[in-house]
C-alpha atoms as a PDB file:
ATOM      1  CA  MET A   1     194.428  -0.754 -29.810  1.00  0.00           C
ATOM      2  CA  LEU A   2     194.597  -4.541 -30.003  1.00  0.00           C
ATOM      3  CA  ASP A   3     194.491  -4.094 -33.722  1.00  0.00           C
ATOM      4  CA  GLY A   4     197.430  -1.795 -33.963  1.00  0.00           C
ATOM      5  CA  LEU A   5     199.576  -4.077 -31.718  1.00  0.00           C
ATOM      6  CA  HIS A   6     198.757  -7.057 -33.732  1.00  0.00           C
ATOM      7  CA  ASP A   7     199.348  -5.043 -36.937  1.00  0.00           C
ATOM      8  CA  ARG A   8     202.937  -4.143 -35.553  1.00  0.00           C
ATOM      9  CA  LEU A   9     203.672  -7.898 -34.620  1.00  0.00           C
ATOM     10  CA  HIS A  10     202.756  -8.949 -38.129  1.00  0.00           C
ATOM     11  CA  LYS A  11     206.242  -9.102 -39.267  1.00  0.00           C
ATOM     12  CA  ARG A  12     207.693 -11.913 -40.961  1.00  0.00           C
ATOM     13  CA  VAL A  13     210.715 -12.324 -38.622  1.00  0.00           C
ATOM     14  CA  LEU A  14     208.407 -12.422 -35.651  1.00  0.00           C
ATOM     15  CA  MET A  15     206.187 -14.795 -37.254  1.00  0.00           C
ATOM     16  CA  ILE A  16     208.932 -17.075 -38.076  1.00  0.00           C
ATOM     17  CA  MET A  17     210.426 -16.919 -34.391  1.00  0.00           C
ATOM     18  CA  SER A  18     206.493 -17.623 -33.093  1.00  0.00           C
ATOM     19  CA  LEU A  19     206.649 -20.587 -35.459  1.00  0.00           C
ATOM     20  CA  VAL A  20     210.005 -21.969 -34.563  1.00  0.00           C
ATOM     21  CA  LEU A  21     209.368 -21.779 -30.890  1.00  0.00           C
ATOM     22  CA  ALA A  22     205.827 -23.342 -31.181  1.00  0.00           C
ATOM     23  CA  LEU A  23     207.118 -26.335 -33.350  1.00  0.00           C
ATOM     24  CA  THR A  24     210.117 -26.695 -30.967  1.00  0.00           C
ATOM     25  CA  CYS A  25     207.925 -26.949 -27.967  1.00  0.00           C
ATOM     26  CA  ALA A  26     205.653 -29.520 -29.696  1.00  0.00           C
ATOM     27  CA  GLY A  27     208.087 -31.527 -31.240  1.00  0.00           C
ATOM     28  CA  TRP A  28     209.873 -32.174 -27.779  1.00  0.00           C
ATOM     29  CA  VAL A  29     206.648 -32.911 -26.394  1.00  0.00           C
ATOM     30  CA  ILE A  30     205.669 -35.297 -29.267  1.00  0.00           C
ATOM     31  CA  TRP A  31     209.661 -36.831 -29.490  1.00  0.00           C
ATOM     32  CA  ASP A  32     210.263 -37.452 -25.995  1.00  0.00           C
ATOM     33  CA  PRO A  33     207.593 -36.466 -23.365  1.00  0.00           C
ATOM     34  CA  GLN A  34     208.936 -38.197 -20.264  1.00  0.00           C
ATOM     35  CA  THR A  35     212.553 -36.603 -20.811  1.00  0.00           C
ATOM     36  CA  PHE A  36     210.913 -33.112 -21.766  1.00  0.00           C
ATOM     37  CA  ALA A  37     208.679 -33.531 -18.660  1.00  0.00           C
ATOM     38  CA  ASP A  38     211.571 -34.403 -16.493  1.00  0.00           C
ATOM     39  CA  ASN A  39     213.632 -31.476 -17.435  1.00  0.00           C
ATOM     40  CA  ILE A  40     210.951 -28.885 -16.582  1.00  0.00           C
ATOM     41  CA  GLY A  41     209.770 -30.637 -13.453  1.00  0.00           C
ATOM     42  CA  GLY A  42     207.029 -32.599 -14.380  1.00  0.00           C
ATOM     43  CA  PHE A  43     203.717 -31.578 -16.498  1.00  0.00           C
ATOM     44  CA  SER A  44     201.631 -29.997 -13.581  1.00  0.00           C
ATOM     45  CA  VAL A  45     198.150 -27.873 -13.667  1.00  0.00           C
ATOM     46  CA  ALA A  46     200.034 -25.035 -14.223  1.00  0.00           C
ATOM     47  CA  ASN A  47     202.452 -25.360 -16.972  1.00  0.00           C
ATOM     48  CA  ALA A  48     200.946 -28.190 -18.971  1.00  0.00           C
ATOM     49  CA  PRO A  49     197.915 -25.798 -20.202  1.00  0.00           C
ATOM     50  CA  ALA A  50     200.255 -22.895 -20.664  1.00  0.00           C
ATOM     51  CA  LEU A  51     202.410 -24.989 -22.873  1.00  0.00           C
ATOM     52  CA  ILE A  52     199.529 -26.275 -24.993  1.00  0.00           C
ATOM     53  CA  TRP A  53     198.238 -22.756 -24.921  1.00  0.00           C
ATOM     54  CA  ALA A  54     201.418 -20.902 -26.142  1.00  0.00           C
ATOM     55  CA  THR A  55     202.030 -23.761 -28.856  1.00  0.00           C
ATOM     56  CA  CYS A  56     198.813 -23.049 -30.457  1.00  0.00           C
ATOM     57  CA  THR A  57     199.127 -19.118 -30.007  1.00  0.00           C
ATOM     58  CA  GLY A  58     202.647 -19.647 -31.640  1.00  0.00           C
ATOM     59  CA  ILE A  59     201.322 -21.717 -34.639  1.00  0.00           C
ATOM     60  CA  ILE A  60     198.373 -19.349 -35.092  1.00  0.00           C
ATOM     61  CA  HIS A  61     200.668 -16.214 -34.946  1.00  0.00           C
ATOM     62  CA  GLY A  62     203.248 -18.001 -37.117  1.00  0.00           C
ATOM     63  CA  MET A  63     200.810 -19.065 -40.017  1.00  0.00           C
ATOM     64  CA  ALA A  64     200.031 -15.254 -40.335  1.00  0.00           C
ATOM     65  CA  PHE A  65     196.391 -15.472 -38.910  1.00  0.00           C
ATOM     66  CA  LYS A  66     195.108 -12.371 -37.043  1.00  0.00           C
ATOM     67  CA  PRO A  67     192.085 -12.703 -34.937  1.00  0.00           C
ATOM     68  CA  ARG A  68     189.335 -10.213 -35.752  1.00  0.00           C
ATOM     69  CA  PHE A  69     187.466  -9.922 -32.386  1.00  0.00           C
ATOM     70  CA  TRP A  70     189.253  -7.813 -29.604  1.00  0.00           C
ATOM     71  CA  PHE A  71     188.754 -11.023 -27.045  1.00  0.00           C
ATOM     72  CA  TRP A  72     190.621 -13.565 -29.162  1.00  0.00           C
ATOM     73  CA  GLN A  73     193.156 -10.802 -29.971  1.00  0.00           C
ATOM     74  CA  LEU A  74     194.087 -10.790 -26.227  1.00  0.00           C
ATOM     75  CA  VAL A  75     193.526 -14.331 -25.820  1.00  0.00           C
ATOM     76  CA  PHE A  76     196.136 -15.124 -28.691  1.00  0.00           C
ATOM     77  CA  PHE A  77     198.500 -12.265 -27.812  1.00  0.00           C
ATOM     78  CA  PRO A  78     201.981 -13.499 -29.216  1.00  0.00           C
ATOM     79  CA  PRO A  79     204.350 -11.948 -26.816  1.00  0.00           C
ATOM     80  CA  PHE A  80     202.718 -13.620 -23.915  1.00  0.00           C
ATOM     81  CA  ALA A  81     203.142 -16.924 -25.511  1.00  0.00           C
ATOM     82  CA  TRP A  82     206.908 -16.067 -26.456  1.00  0.00           C
ATOM     83  CA  ALA A  83     207.315 -15.532 -22.634  1.00  0.00           C
ATOM     84  CA  VAL A  84     205.835 -19.046 -21.788  1.00  0.00           C
ATOM     85  CA  MET A  85     207.575 -20.819 -24.591  1.00  0.00           C
ATOM     86  CA  ILE A  86     211.072 -19.388 -23.843  1.00  0.00           C
ATOM     87  CA  SER A  87     210.665 -19.990 -20.330  1.00  0.00           C
ATOM     88  CA  ILE A  88     209.458 -23.382 -20.525  1.00  0.00           C
ATOM     89  CA  LEU A  89     212.495 -24.018 -23.130  1.00  0.00           C
ATOM     90  CA  THR A  90     215.432 -22.531 -21.130  1.00  0.00           C
ATOM     91  CA  THR A  91     214.200 -24.624 -18.117  1.00  0.00           C
ATOM     92  CA  ALA A  92     214.315 -27.644 -20.035  1.00  0.00           C
ATOM     93  CA  PHE A  93     217.579 -27.076 -21.598  1.00  0.00           C
ATOM     94  CA  ILE A  94     219.650 -24.895 -19.317  1.00  0.00           C
END
């Protein structure tokens, strides 16, 4: 079941979107972490690990890597990461 979902997500446009979102999140954290943290209400126990996980998932998907084992396919499922990255970026800049 997860193999089919990951196969449908293995499209170039979606992989580029994952990579751009992940690099944008990572870039803002590296470039100006204090301002980025202030814009999202501070790094907390909830949003900091979620941002790290979503960025890693975006890089994994954006580099066209597909986990083989079903558990890792569930852990690194790109739509969940997209939701986290988009919500954090919109919170930071809107």
